N, C-alpha and C. Protein backbone atom coordinates (compact mmCIF):
# COMPACT_ATOMS: atom_id res chain seq x y z
N UNK A 1 88.61 -97.85 280.50
CA UNK A 1 88.45 -96.41 280.35
C UNK A 1 87.40 -96.16 279.27
N UNK A 2 86.42 -95.31 279.53
CA UNK A 2 85.39 -95.01 278.54
C UNK A 2 85.98 -94.38 277.27
N UNK A 3 85.33 -94.63 276.15
CA UNK A 3 85.80 -94.12 274.86
C UNK A 3 85.91 -92.60 274.87
N UNK A 4 84.98 -91.92 275.50
CA UNK A 4 85.02 -90.44 275.54
C UNK A 4 86.27 -89.95 276.27
N UNK A 5 86.65 -90.63 277.34
CA UNK A 5 87.86 -90.23 278.08
C UNK A 5 89.11 -90.45 277.23
N UNK A 6 89.18 -91.58 276.51
CA UNK A 6 90.33 -91.83 275.64
C UNK A 6 90.41 -90.79 274.53
N UNK A 7 89.25 -90.43 273.97
CA UNK A 7 89.21 -89.41 272.91
C UNK A 7 89.68 -88.07 273.46
N UNK A 8 89.24 -87.73 274.65
CA UNK A 8 89.66 -86.48 275.28
C UNK A 8 91.16 -86.48 275.53
N UNK A 9 91.71 -87.59 276.03
CA UNK A 9 93.15 -87.69 276.26
C UNK A 9 93.93 -87.51 274.96
N UNK A 10 93.47 -88.17 273.89
CA UNK A 10 94.16 -88.03 272.59
C UNK A 10 94.14 -86.59 272.12
N UNK A 11 93.01 -85.92 272.28
CA UNK A 11 92.90 -84.51 271.87
C UNK A 11 93.84 -83.64 272.70
N UNK A 12 93.93 -83.90 274.00
CA UNK A 12 94.82 -83.10 274.85
C UNK A 12 96.29 -83.31 274.47
N UNK A 13 96.65 -84.52 274.10
CA UNK A 13 98.04 -84.79 273.72
C UNK A 13 98.34 -84.19 272.35
N UNK A 14 97.40 -84.25 271.42
CA UNK A 14 97.58 -83.57 270.13
C UNK A 14 97.75 -82.07 270.35
N UNK A 15 96.98 -81.51 271.26
CA UNK A 15 97.10 -80.10 271.61
C UNK A 15 98.46 -79.80 272.23
N UNK A 16 99.02 -80.76 272.95
CA UNK A 16 100.33 -80.59 273.56
C UNK A 16 101.40 -80.33 272.49
N UNK A 17 101.31 -81.05 271.36
CA UNK A 17 102.23 -80.78 270.24
C UNK A 17 102.09 -79.34 269.76
N UNK A 18 100.86 -78.90 269.54
CA UNK A 18 100.63 -77.54 269.05
C UNK A 18 101.17 -76.50 270.03
N UNK A 19 100.93 -76.73 271.32
CA UNK A 19 101.42 -75.78 272.33
C UNK A 19 102.95 -75.75 272.38
N UNK A 20 103.59 -76.92 272.22
CA UNK A 20 105.05 -76.97 272.19
C UNK A 20 105.59 -76.17 271.01
N UNK A 21 105.05 -76.41 269.81
CA UNK A 21 105.59 -75.74 268.64
C UNK A 21 105.31 -74.24 268.66
N UNK A 22 104.17 -73.82 269.22
CA UNK A 22 103.92 -72.39 269.38
C UNK A 22 104.91 -71.78 270.37
N UNK A 23 105.17 -72.49 271.47
CA UNK A 23 106.13 -72.03 272.46
C UNK A 23 107.50 -71.82 271.82
N UNK A 24 107.92 -72.78 270.97
CA UNK A 24 109.22 -72.67 270.30
C UNK A 24 109.23 -71.48 269.33
N UNK A 25 108.18 -71.34 268.53
CA UNK A 25 108.13 -70.26 267.55
C UNK A 25 108.10 -68.88 268.21
N UNK A 26 107.47 -68.80 269.37
CA UNK A 26 107.35 -67.52 270.08
C UNK A 26 108.46 -67.29 271.08
N UNK A 27 109.43 -68.20 271.15
CA UNK A 27 110.59 -68.10 272.05
C UNK A 27 110.16 -67.90 273.51
N UNK A 28 109.11 -68.59 273.91
CA UNK A 28 108.64 -68.52 275.29
C UNK A 28 109.25 -69.67 276.09
N UNK A 29 110.57 -69.74 276.09
CA UNK A 29 111.28 -70.85 276.71
C UNK A 29 111.00 -70.98 278.20
N UNK A 30 110.70 -69.86 278.84
CA UNK A 30 110.42 -69.88 280.28
C UNK A 30 109.13 -70.65 280.58
N UNK A 31 108.32 -70.94 279.56
CA UNK A 31 107.08 -71.69 279.74
C UNK A 31 107.23 -73.17 279.42
N UNK A 32 108.46 -73.65 279.33
CA UNK A 32 108.70 -75.04 278.94
C UNK A 32 108.00 -76.03 279.87
N UNK A 33 107.81 -75.68 281.13
CA UNK A 33 107.15 -76.59 282.08
C UNK A 33 105.68 -76.81 281.75
N UNK A 34 105.12 -76.01 280.85
CA UNK A 34 103.72 -76.21 280.47
C UNK A 34 103.57 -77.33 279.43
N UNK A 35 104.67 -77.80 278.88
CA UNK A 35 104.62 -78.89 277.89
C UNK A 35 105.54 -80.05 278.23
N UNK A 36 106.61 -79.81 278.99
CA UNK A 36 107.57 -80.84 279.34
C UNK A 36 107.44 -81.24 280.80
N UNK A 37 107.62 -82.52 281.08
CA UNK A 37 107.71 -83.04 282.44
C UNK A 37 109.06 -82.63 283.03
N UNK A 38 109.15 -82.54 284.34
CA UNK A 38 110.42 -82.17 285.00
C UNK A 38 111.56 -83.10 284.59
N UNK A 39 111.26 -84.38 284.39
CA UNK A 39 112.30 -85.37 284.06
C UNK A 39 112.37 -85.66 282.56
N UNK A 40 112.04 -84.68 281.73
CA UNK A 40 112.06 -84.85 280.27
C UNK A 40 113.43 -85.30 279.79
N UNK A 41 113.41 -86.19 278.80
CA UNK A 41 114.63 -86.57 278.08
C UNK A 41 114.35 -86.29 276.61
N UNK A 42 115.21 -85.49 275.99
CA UNK A 42 115.07 -85.16 274.57
C UNK A 42 116.29 -85.68 273.84
N UNK A 43 116.04 -86.50 272.81
CA UNK A 43 117.11 -87.01 271.94
C UNK A 43 116.88 -86.43 270.55
N UNK A 44 117.93 -85.86 269.98
CA UNK A 44 117.82 -85.26 268.65
C UNK A 44 119.16 -85.39 267.95
N UNK A 45 119.23 -84.99 266.69
CA UNK A 45 120.52 -85.01 266.00
C UNK A 45 121.58 -84.15 266.70
N UNK A 46 121.15 -83.22 267.54
CA UNK A 46 122.09 -82.35 268.26
C UNK A 46 122.58 -82.95 269.57
N UNK A 47 122.03 -84.10 269.97
CA UNK A 47 122.48 -84.73 271.21
C UNK A 47 121.32 -85.09 272.11
N UNK A 48 121.63 -85.26 273.37
CA UNK A 48 120.64 -85.70 274.35
C UNK A 48 120.60 -84.73 275.52
N UNK A 49 119.40 -84.38 275.94
CA UNK A 49 119.20 -83.46 277.05
C UNK A 49 118.38 -84.16 278.12
N UNK A 50 118.72 -83.90 279.39
CA UNK A 50 118.04 -84.54 280.52
C UNK A 50 117.53 -83.49 281.48
N UNK A 51 116.23 -83.49 281.73
CA UNK A 51 115.64 -82.61 282.72
C UNK A 51 115.18 -81.29 282.15
N UNK A 52 114.16 -80.74 282.78
CA UNK A 52 113.56 -79.49 282.34
C UNK A 52 114.55 -78.33 282.32
N UNK A 53 115.40 -78.23 283.34
CA UNK A 53 116.36 -77.12 283.39
C UNK A 53 117.34 -77.18 282.22
N UNK A 54 117.83 -78.38 281.90
CA UNK A 54 118.78 -78.53 280.80
C UNK A 54 118.11 -78.23 279.45
N UNK A 55 116.89 -78.69 279.27
CA UNK A 55 116.16 -78.42 278.02
C UNK A 55 115.91 -76.92 277.87
N UNK A 56 115.44 -76.29 278.94
CA UNK A 56 115.16 -74.84 278.90
C UNK A 56 116.43 -74.05 278.60
N UNK A 57 117.52 -74.39 279.24
CA UNK A 57 118.79 -73.69 278.99
C UNK A 57 119.23 -73.88 277.54
N UNK A 58 119.06 -75.08 277.00
CA UNK A 58 119.42 -75.35 275.61
C UNK A 58 118.57 -74.49 274.66
N UNK A 59 117.29 -74.41 274.91
CA UNK A 59 116.41 -73.60 274.05
C UNK A 59 116.85 -72.14 274.05
N UNK A 60 117.17 -71.61 275.21
CA UNK A 60 117.61 -70.21 275.31
C UNK A 60 118.94 -70.01 274.60
N UNK A 61 119.88 -70.94 274.78
CA UNK A 61 121.21 -70.85 274.14
C UNK A 61 121.14 -70.93 272.63
N UNK A 62 120.21 -71.73 272.11
CA UNK A 62 120.19 -71.99 270.67
C UNK A 62 119.46 -70.92 269.88
N UNK A 63 118.88 -69.94 270.56
CA UNK A 63 118.20 -68.85 269.87
C UNK A 63 119.23 -67.99 269.14
N UNK A 64 119.02 -67.78 267.84
CA UNK A 64 119.92 -66.97 267.02
C UNK A 64 119.27 -65.61 266.79
N UNK A 65 120.01 -64.56 267.10
CA UNK A 65 119.51 -63.19 266.96
C UNK A 65 118.96 -62.95 265.55
N UNK A 66 117.73 -62.49 265.47
CA UNK A 66 117.11 -62.15 264.19
C UNK A 66 116.53 -63.32 263.42
N UNK A 67 116.71 -64.55 263.91
CA UNK A 67 116.17 -65.71 263.21
C UNK A 67 114.91 -66.19 263.93
N UNK A 68 113.91 -66.53 263.15
CA UNK A 68 112.64 -67.01 263.68
C UNK A 68 112.35 -68.39 263.09
N UNK A 69 111.43 -69.10 263.73
CA UNK A 69 110.99 -70.38 263.20
C UNK A 69 109.48 -70.40 263.08
N UNK A 70 109.02 -71.23 262.16
CA UNK A 70 107.60 -71.54 262.06
C UNK A 70 107.50 -73.05 261.95
N UNK A 71 106.92 -73.67 262.97
CA UNK A 71 106.72 -75.12 262.99
C UNK A 71 105.31 -75.42 262.49
N UNK A 72 105.22 -76.34 261.56
CA UNK A 72 103.94 -76.83 261.07
C UNK A 72 103.95 -78.33 261.31
N UNK A 73 102.91 -78.83 261.96
CA UNK A 73 102.91 -80.25 262.27
C UNK A 73 101.62 -80.91 261.80
N UNK A 74 101.72 -82.21 261.64
CA UNK A 74 100.55 -82.98 261.22
C UNK A 74 100.80 -84.46 261.43
N UNK A 75 99.86 -85.27 260.94
CA UNK A 75 99.95 -86.72 261.06
C UNK A 75 100.18 -87.15 262.50
N UNK A 76 99.49 -86.48 263.42
CA UNK A 76 99.63 -86.80 264.84
C UNK A 76 98.88 -88.12 265.13
N UNK A 77 99.60 -89.05 265.71
CA UNK A 77 99.02 -90.32 266.14
C UNK A 77 99.26 -90.48 267.64
N UNK A 78 98.23 -90.87 268.37
CA UNK A 78 98.33 -90.98 269.83
C UNK A 78 97.73 -92.31 270.26
N UNK A 79 98.48 -93.04 271.09
CA UNK A 79 97.98 -94.28 271.70
C UNK A 79 98.07 -94.12 273.21
N UNK A 80 96.91 -94.04 273.86
CA UNK A 80 96.85 -93.83 275.30
C UNK A 80 96.74 -95.17 276.01
N UNK A 81 97.55 -95.33 277.06
CA UNK A 81 97.51 -96.52 277.90
C UNK A 81 97.51 -96.06 279.35
N UNK A 82 96.34 -95.77 279.87
CA UNK A 82 96.22 -95.28 281.25
C UNK A 82 96.76 -93.87 281.37
N UNK A 83 97.78 -93.71 282.24
CA UNK A 83 98.37 -92.38 282.48
C UNK A 83 99.62 -92.14 281.64
N UNK A 84 99.84 -92.98 280.63
CA UNK A 84 100.98 -92.82 279.71
C UNK A 84 100.44 -92.90 278.29
N UNK A 85 101.14 -92.27 277.38
CA UNK A 85 100.73 -92.33 275.97
C UNK A 85 101.96 -92.27 275.09
N UNK A 86 101.88 -92.93 273.97
CA UNK A 86 102.89 -92.82 272.92
C UNK A 86 102.29 -91.96 271.84
N UNK A 87 103.05 -91.02 271.32
CA UNK A 87 102.54 -90.11 270.30
C UNK A 87 103.63 -89.80 269.29
N UNK A 88 103.22 -89.62 268.04
CA UNK A 88 104.16 -89.23 266.99
C UNK A 88 103.55 -88.09 266.19
N UNK A 89 104.42 -87.31 265.56
CA UNK A 89 103.98 -86.23 264.68
C UNK A 89 105.08 -85.95 263.67
N UNK A 90 104.68 -85.52 262.49
CA UNK A 90 105.61 -85.01 261.49
C UNK A 90 105.65 -83.50 261.61
N UNK A 91 106.83 -82.91 261.34
CA UNK A 91 106.98 -81.46 261.41
C UNK A 91 107.71 -80.94 260.19
N UNK A 92 107.29 -79.77 259.76
CA UNK A 92 108.08 -78.97 258.84
C UNK A 92 108.49 -77.74 259.62
N UNK A 93 109.76 -77.39 259.58
CA UNK A 93 110.25 -76.23 260.31
C UNK A 93 110.87 -75.27 259.30
N UNK A 94 110.38 -74.04 259.31
CA UNK A 94 110.89 -72.99 258.44
C UNK A 94 111.70 -72.02 259.29
N UNK A 95 112.92 -71.73 258.86
CA UNK A 95 113.79 -70.77 259.53
C UNK A 95 113.84 -69.53 258.65
N UNK A 96 113.52 -68.36 259.22
CA UNK A 96 113.43 -67.15 258.41
C UNK A 96 113.82 -65.92 259.23
N UNK A 97 114.02 -64.84 258.51
CA UNK A 97 114.24 -63.52 259.12
C UNK A 97 113.05 -62.66 258.72
N UNK A 98 112.67 -61.71 259.55
CA UNK A 98 111.49 -60.88 259.28
C UNK A 98 111.46 -60.37 257.85
N UNK A 99 110.33 -60.59 257.19
CA UNK A 99 110.13 -60.07 255.84
C UNK A 99 110.84 -60.84 254.75
N UNK A 100 111.54 -61.92 255.08
CA UNK A 100 112.28 -62.69 254.08
C UNK A 100 111.73 -64.11 254.00
N UNK A 101 111.91 -64.70 252.82
CA UNK A 101 111.54 -66.11 252.64
C UNK A 101 112.47 -66.98 253.50
N UNK A 102 112.03 -68.18 253.84
CA UNK A 102 112.89 -69.06 254.66
C UNK A 102 114.24 -69.32 253.98
N UNK A 103 115.29 -69.31 254.80
CA UNK A 103 116.63 -69.63 254.30
C UNK A 103 117.01 -71.08 254.60
N UNK A 104 116.19 -71.73 255.43
CA UNK A 104 116.42 -73.15 255.73
C UNK A 104 115.07 -73.78 256.08
N UNK A 105 114.87 -74.98 255.62
CA UNK A 105 113.68 -75.75 255.99
C UNK A 105 114.12 -77.16 256.35
N UNK A 106 113.34 -77.79 257.19
CA UNK A 106 113.66 -79.16 257.55
C UNK A 106 112.38 -79.94 257.80
N UNK A 107 112.48 -81.24 257.59
CA UNK A 107 111.40 -82.16 257.89
C UNK A 107 111.83 -83.05 259.03
N UNK A 108 111.01 -83.14 260.05
CA UNK A 108 111.34 -83.90 261.25
C UNK A 108 110.24 -84.90 261.57
N UNK A 109 110.62 -85.94 262.24
CA UNK A 109 109.67 -86.91 262.80
C UNK A 109 109.90 -86.90 264.30
N UNK A 110 108.85 -86.71 265.07
CA UNK A 110 108.95 -86.64 266.52
C UNK A 110 108.15 -87.78 267.13
N UNK A 111 108.81 -88.58 267.96
CA UNK A 111 108.16 -89.67 268.69
C UNK A 111 108.29 -89.37 270.18
N UNK A 112 107.18 -89.41 270.89
CA UNK A 112 107.17 -88.98 272.29
C UNK A 112 106.45 -89.96 273.19
N UNK A 113 106.79 -89.85 274.46
CA UNK A 113 105.98 -90.42 275.52
C UNK A 113 105.42 -89.23 276.29
N UNK A 114 104.12 -89.27 276.56
CA UNK A 114 103.49 -88.25 277.38
C UNK A 114 102.97 -88.93 278.64
N UNK A 115 102.99 -88.19 279.74
CA UNK A 115 102.49 -88.72 281.00
C UNK A 115 101.44 -87.75 281.57
N UNK A 116 100.46 -88.34 282.22
CA UNK A 116 99.44 -87.51 282.87
C UNK A 116 100.01 -87.03 284.20
N UNK A 117 99.98 -85.74 284.44
CA UNK A 117 100.44 -85.15 285.69
C UNK A 117 99.23 -84.49 286.37
N UNK A 118 99.35 -84.08 287.62
CA UNK A 118 98.22 -83.38 288.26
C UNK A 118 97.81 -82.11 287.48
N UNK A 119 98.75 -81.48 286.79
CA UNK A 119 98.44 -80.26 286.05
C UNK A 119 97.80 -80.56 284.69
N UNK A 120 98.32 -81.56 283.99
CA UNK A 120 97.84 -81.92 282.63
C UNK A 120 98.84 -82.91 282.05
N UNK A 121 98.63 -83.29 280.80
CA UNK A 121 99.59 -84.14 280.10
C UNK A 121 100.87 -83.36 279.85
N UNK A 122 102.02 -84.05 279.97
CA UNK A 122 103.33 -83.44 279.69
C UNK A 122 104.18 -84.47 278.94
N UNK A 123 105.05 -84.00 278.06
CA UNK A 123 106.01 -84.88 277.39
C UNK A 123 107.10 -85.25 278.38
N UNK A 124 107.38 -86.56 278.49
CA UNK A 124 108.44 -87.03 279.39
C UNK A 124 109.63 -87.58 278.62
N UNK A 125 109.42 -87.91 277.37
CA UNK A 125 110.48 -88.44 276.52
C UNK A 125 110.19 -88.02 275.09
N UNK A 126 111.21 -87.56 274.38
CA UNK A 126 111.02 -87.10 273.01
C UNK A 126 112.22 -87.50 272.18
N UNK A 127 111.96 -88.10 271.04
CA UNK A 127 113.02 -88.48 270.11
C UNK A 127 112.72 -87.80 268.78
N UNK A 128 113.61 -86.89 268.38
CA UNK A 128 113.45 -86.10 267.16
C UNK A 128 114.41 -86.64 266.12
N UNK A 129 113.86 -87.02 264.97
CA UNK A 129 114.68 -87.55 263.88
C UNK A 129 114.60 -86.59 262.69
N UNK A 130 115.74 -86.19 262.18
CA UNK A 130 115.80 -85.34 260.99
C UNK A 130 115.59 -86.20 259.76
N UNK A 131 114.56 -85.91 258.98
CA UNK A 131 114.30 -86.64 257.74
C UNK A 131 115.04 -85.99 256.58
N UNK A 132 115.03 -84.65 256.55
CA UNK A 132 115.72 -83.93 255.48
C UNK A 132 115.92 -82.47 255.89
N UNK A 133 116.81 -81.78 255.19
CA UNK A 133 117.05 -80.36 255.41
C UNK A 133 117.42 -79.72 254.08
N UNK A 134 116.95 -78.51 253.88
CA UNK A 134 117.29 -77.76 252.68
C UNK A 134 117.74 -76.37 253.11
N UNK A 135 118.93 -75.95 252.65
CA UNK A 135 119.42 -74.60 252.93
C UNK A 135 119.62 -73.87 251.62
N UNK A 136 119.25 -72.59 251.64
CA UNK A 136 119.41 -71.76 250.44
C UNK A 136 120.72 -71.03 250.46
């Protein structure tokens, strides 16, 4: 695979993280198929979810009235191997109410597998590890 194609794939997968975190912050759960594969598996401290429908339902259920999030991510590393890629990112998540300072923050490490689909790259496997949490 030419170097330019690998660079483009890495950029698209890094963008996939940004699109996922924006989707979560904006509560656009109905758009989960734009970042997750149909057969997504998500493992987190809250348990394990299988499939796009289960993940989408979980996102809708876990929304707390009046609470918002702001995800900030960095240290994105991507290793592309054909139509599959391994990717990791660090996240800071701020939980807040309009006009108020965050009442909870957390640091997460996300390790994913992304797959190339006819539409674009999608996450097919995600493992979220809680590094720390602070509540006021």
